[in-house]
Amino acid sequence: MEVKLYTTHCPMCKGVEILLKSKQIDYEEIEGEEPIREMGFRAAPILVVDGHTYVGKEINEWIKNFKKNN
């Protein structure tokens, strides 16, 4: 499973980082506003899991429902 977190290290991004770590989910961190804009978004965080993009509350739901065997 490939997990990428697009982050600007804002408070919301930090919260997602904490949740990912609490569930022991390995992820690649991609920092800065430019990669986010290149994806067509204007805000962070963005979570991409195996090519599927999650934003806003979808991120928290995905992390909440994550099971280690995913």
N, C-alpha and C. Protein backbone atom coordinates (compact mmCIF):
# COMPACT_ATOMS: atom_id res chain seq x y z
N MET A 1 0.85 -1.17 0.00
CA MET A 1 0.00 0.00 0.00
C MET A 1 0.90 1.24 0.00
N GLU A 2 0.58 2.16 -0.89
CA GLU A 2 1.33 3.41 -0.98
C GLU A 2 0.49 4.55 -0.45
N VAL A 3 0.99 5.25 0.57
CA VAL A 3 0.27 6.36 1.19
C VAL A 3 1.14 7.60 1.08
N LYS A 4 0.55 8.67 0.54
CA LYS A 4 1.27 9.95 0.43
C LYS A 4 0.44 11.03 1.12
N LEU A 5 1.11 11.83 1.93
CA LEU A 5 0.46 12.95 2.60
C LEU A 5 1.04 14.24 2.05
N TYR A 6 0.18 15.01 1.41
CA TYR A 6 0.57 16.33 0.92
C TYR A 6 0.27 17.31 2.05
N THR A 7 1.30 18.02 2.50
CA THR A 7 1.19 18.81 3.72
C THR A 7 1.88 20.16 3.61
N THR A 8 1.34 21.12 4.34
CA THR A 8 2.00 22.42 4.52
C THR A 8 2.40 22.60 5.98
N HIS A 9 2.19 21.57 6.77
CA HIS A 9 2.46 21.56 8.21
C HIS A 9 1.58 22.56 8.97
N CYS A 10 0.41 22.84 8.42
CA CYS A 10 -0.58 23.66 9.12
C CYS A 10 -1.17 22.81 10.27
N PRO A 11 -1.95 23.40 11.14
CA PRO A 11 -2.54 22.61 12.24
C PRO A 11 -3.35 21.40 11.76
N MET A 12 -4.10 21.53 10.67
CA MET A 12 -4.87 20.38 10.18
C MET A 12 -3.94 19.29 9.67
N CYS A 13 -2.88 19.69 9.00
CA CYS A 13 -1.90 18.72 8.49
C CYS A 13 -1.23 17.99 9.65
N LYS A 14 -0.86 18.74 10.68
CA LYS A 14 -0.23 18.14 11.86
C LYS A 14 -1.16 17.11 12.49
N GLY A 15 -2.46 17.43 12.54
CA GLY A 15 -3.43 16.49 13.10
C GLY A 15 -3.48 15.19 12.32
N VAL A 16 -3.43 15.28 10.99
CA VAL A 16 -3.43 14.07 10.16
C VAL A 16 -2.14 13.28 10.38
N GLU A 17 -1.01 13.97 10.49
CA GLU A 17 0.26 13.29 10.77
C GLU A 17 0.18 12.51 12.07
N ILE A 18 -0.39 13.12 13.10
CA ILE A 18 -0.54 12.45 14.40
C ILE A 18 -1.43 11.22 14.27
N LEU A 19 -2.54 11.34 13.55
CA LEU A 19 -3.44 10.20 13.37
C LEU A 19 -2.76 9.06 12.61
N LEU A 20 -2.03 9.39 11.54
CA LEU A 20 -1.32 8.36 10.77
C LEU A 20 -0.32 7.63 11.65
N LYS A 21 0.43 8.38 12.44
CA LYS A 21 1.43 7.77 13.32
C LYS A 21 0.78 6.93 14.41
N SER A 22 -0.37 7.39 14.93
CA SER A 22 -1.05 6.65 16.00
C SER A 22 -1.54 5.29 15.50
N LYS A 23 -1.85 5.20 14.20
CA LYS A 23 -2.29 3.93 13.61
C LYS A 23 -1.12 3.16 12.98
N GLN A 24 0.09 3.71 13.14
CA GLN A 24 1.31 3.09 12.59
C GLN A 24 1.20 2.89 11.09
N ILE A 25 0.69 3.90 10.40
CA ILE A 25 0.57 3.87 8.95
C ILE A 25 1.80 4.55 8.36
N ASP A 26 2.56 3.80 7.59
CA ASP A 26 3.72 4.36 6.92
C ASP A 26 3.25 5.23 5.76
N TYR A 27 3.89 6.39 5.62
CA TYR A 27 3.49 7.31 4.55
C TYR A 27 4.67 8.14 4.09
N GLU A 28 4.56 8.60 2.86
CA GLU A 28 5.54 9.52 2.31
C GLU A 28 4.98 10.93 2.48
N GLU A 29 5.81 11.82 2.98
CA GLU A 29 5.38 13.20 3.19
C GLU A 29 5.85 14.07 2.02
N ILE A 30 4.93 14.79 1.42
CA ILE A 30 5.25 15.70 0.33
C ILE A 30 4.87 17.09 0.81
N GLU A 31 5.89 17.93 0.95
CA GLU A 31 5.70 19.24 1.57
C GLU A 31 5.58 20.36 0.55
N GLY A 32 4.81 21.38 0.93
CA GLY A 32 4.75 22.61 0.17
C GLY A 32 3.46 22.80 -0.60
N GLU A 33 3.22 24.04 -0.95
CA GLU A 33 2.00 24.41 -1.65
C GLU A 33 2.05 24.04 -3.13
N GLU A 34 3.22 24.08 -3.74
CA GLU A 34 3.32 23.84 -5.18
C GLU A 34 2.84 22.44 -5.58
N PRO A 35 3.28 21.36 -4.91
CA PRO A 35 2.75 20.04 -5.29
C PRO A 35 1.24 19.93 -5.15
N ILE A 36 0.68 20.64 -4.17
CA ILE A 36 -0.76 20.63 -3.95
C ILE A 36 -1.47 21.32 -5.11
N ARG A 37 -0.94 22.46 -5.52
CA ARG A 37 -1.52 23.18 -6.67
C ARG A 37 -1.42 22.36 -7.95
N GLU A 38 -0.29 21.67 -8.11
CA GLU A 38 -0.10 20.84 -9.31
C GLU A 38 -1.15 19.74 -9.41
N MET A 39 -1.67 19.32 -8.26
CA MET A 39 -2.72 18.30 -8.25
C MET A 39 -4.10 18.90 -8.49
N GLY A 40 -4.17 20.24 -8.53
CA GLY A 40 -5.45 20.90 -8.76
C GLY A 40 -6.19 21.29 -7.50
N PHE A 41 -5.52 21.22 -6.36
CA PHE A 41 -6.13 21.59 -5.08
C PHE A 41 -5.58 22.91 -4.59
N ARG A 42 -6.30 23.53 -3.68
CA ARG A 42 -5.88 24.81 -3.14
C ARG A 42 -5.65 24.76 -1.63
N ALA A 43 -5.88 23.62 -1.01
CA ALA A 43 -5.74 23.51 0.44
C ALA A 43 -5.16 22.15 0.81
N ALA A 44 -4.57 22.09 1.97
CA ALA A 44 -3.99 20.86 2.51
C ALA A 44 -4.69 20.56 3.83
N PRO A 45 -4.62 19.36 4.29
CA PRO A 45 -3.88 18.21 3.79
C PRO A 45 -4.65 17.44 2.71
N ILE A 46 -3.87 16.67 1.96
CA ILE A 46 -4.42 15.75 0.96
C ILE A 46 -3.75 14.41 1.22
N LEU A 47 -4.54 13.36 1.24
CA LEU A 47 -4.01 12.02 1.44
C LEU A 47 -4.30 11.22 0.18
N VAL A 48 -3.26 10.58 -0.36
CA VAL A 48 -3.42 9.75 -1.55
C VAL A 48 -3.01 8.33 -1.16
N VAL A 49 -3.95 7.40 -1.30
CA VAL A 49 -3.72 6.00 -0.93
C VAL A 49 -3.91 5.16 -2.18
N ASP A 50 -2.83 4.55 -2.64
CA ASP A 50 -2.88 3.71 -3.84
C ASP A 50 -3.61 4.40 -4.99
N GLY A 51 -3.34 5.71 -5.16
CA GLY A 51 -3.91 6.45 -6.27
C GLY A 51 -5.27 7.07 -5.99
N HIS A 52 -5.88 6.75 -4.86
CA HIS A 52 -7.18 7.34 -4.51
C HIS A 52 -6.95 8.55 -3.61
N THR A 53 -7.55 9.68 -3.95
CA THR A 53 -7.34 10.93 -3.23
C THR A 53 -8.44 11.16 -2.19
N TYR A 54 -8.00 11.51 -0.98
CA TYR A 54 -8.91 11.83 0.12
C TYR A 54 -8.63 13.25 0.58
N VAL A 55 -9.69 14.02 0.82
CA VAL A 55 -9.57 15.38 1.34
C VAL A 55 -10.57 15.57 2.47
N GLY A 56 -10.32 16.59 3.28
CA GLY A 56 -11.25 16.94 4.35
C GLY A 56 -11.57 15.78 5.28
N LYS A 57 -12.85 15.61 5.57
CA LYS A 57 -13.30 14.58 6.50
C LYS A 57 -13.04 13.17 5.98
N GLU A 58 -12.89 13.01 4.66
CA GLU A 58 -12.60 11.69 4.08
C GLU A 58 -11.29 11.14 4.64
N ILE A 59 -10.32 12.03 4.90
CA ILE A 59 -9.03 11.60 5.43
C ILE A 59 -9.22 10.95 6.80
N ASN A 60 -9.94 11.64 7.67
CA ASN A 60 -10.17 11.10 9.01
C ASN A 60 -10.93 9.79 8.97
N GLU A 61 -11.91 9.68 8.08
CA GLU A 61 -12.68 8.44 7.96
C GLU A 61 -11.80 7.29 7.49
N TRP A 62 -10.92 7.56 6.51
CA TRP A 62 -10.05 6.50 6.01
C TRP A 62 -9.12 6.03 7.12
N ILE A 63 -8.52 6.97 7.84
CA ILE A 63 -7.60 6.60 8.92
C ILE A 63 -8.36 5.84 10.01
N LYS A 64 -9.54 6.32 10.38
CA LYS A 64 -10.35 5.68 11.42
C LYS A 64 -10.67 4.23 11.05
N ASN A 65 -10.97 3.98 9.78
CA ASN A 65 -11.36 2.64 9.32
C ASN A 65 -10.19 1.77 8.89
N PHE A 66 -8.97 2.32 8.95
CA PHE A 66 -7.79 1.57 8.52
C PHE A 66 -7.57 0.34 9.40
N LYS A 67 -7.29 -0.75 8.75
CA LYS A 67 -6.90 -1.99 9.44
C LYS A 67 -5.54 -2.39 8.90
N LYS A 68 -4.66 -2.86 9.75
CA LYS A 68 -3.27 -3.14 9.39
C LYS A 68 -3.15 -4.09 8.19
N ASN A 69 -4.15 -4.91 7.93
CA ASN A 69 -4.07 -5.85 6.80
C ASN A 69 -4.50 -5.23 5.48
N ASN A 70 -4.82 -3.89 5.47
CA ASN A 70 -5.21 -3.20 4.22
C ASN A 70 -4.09 -3.22 3.22
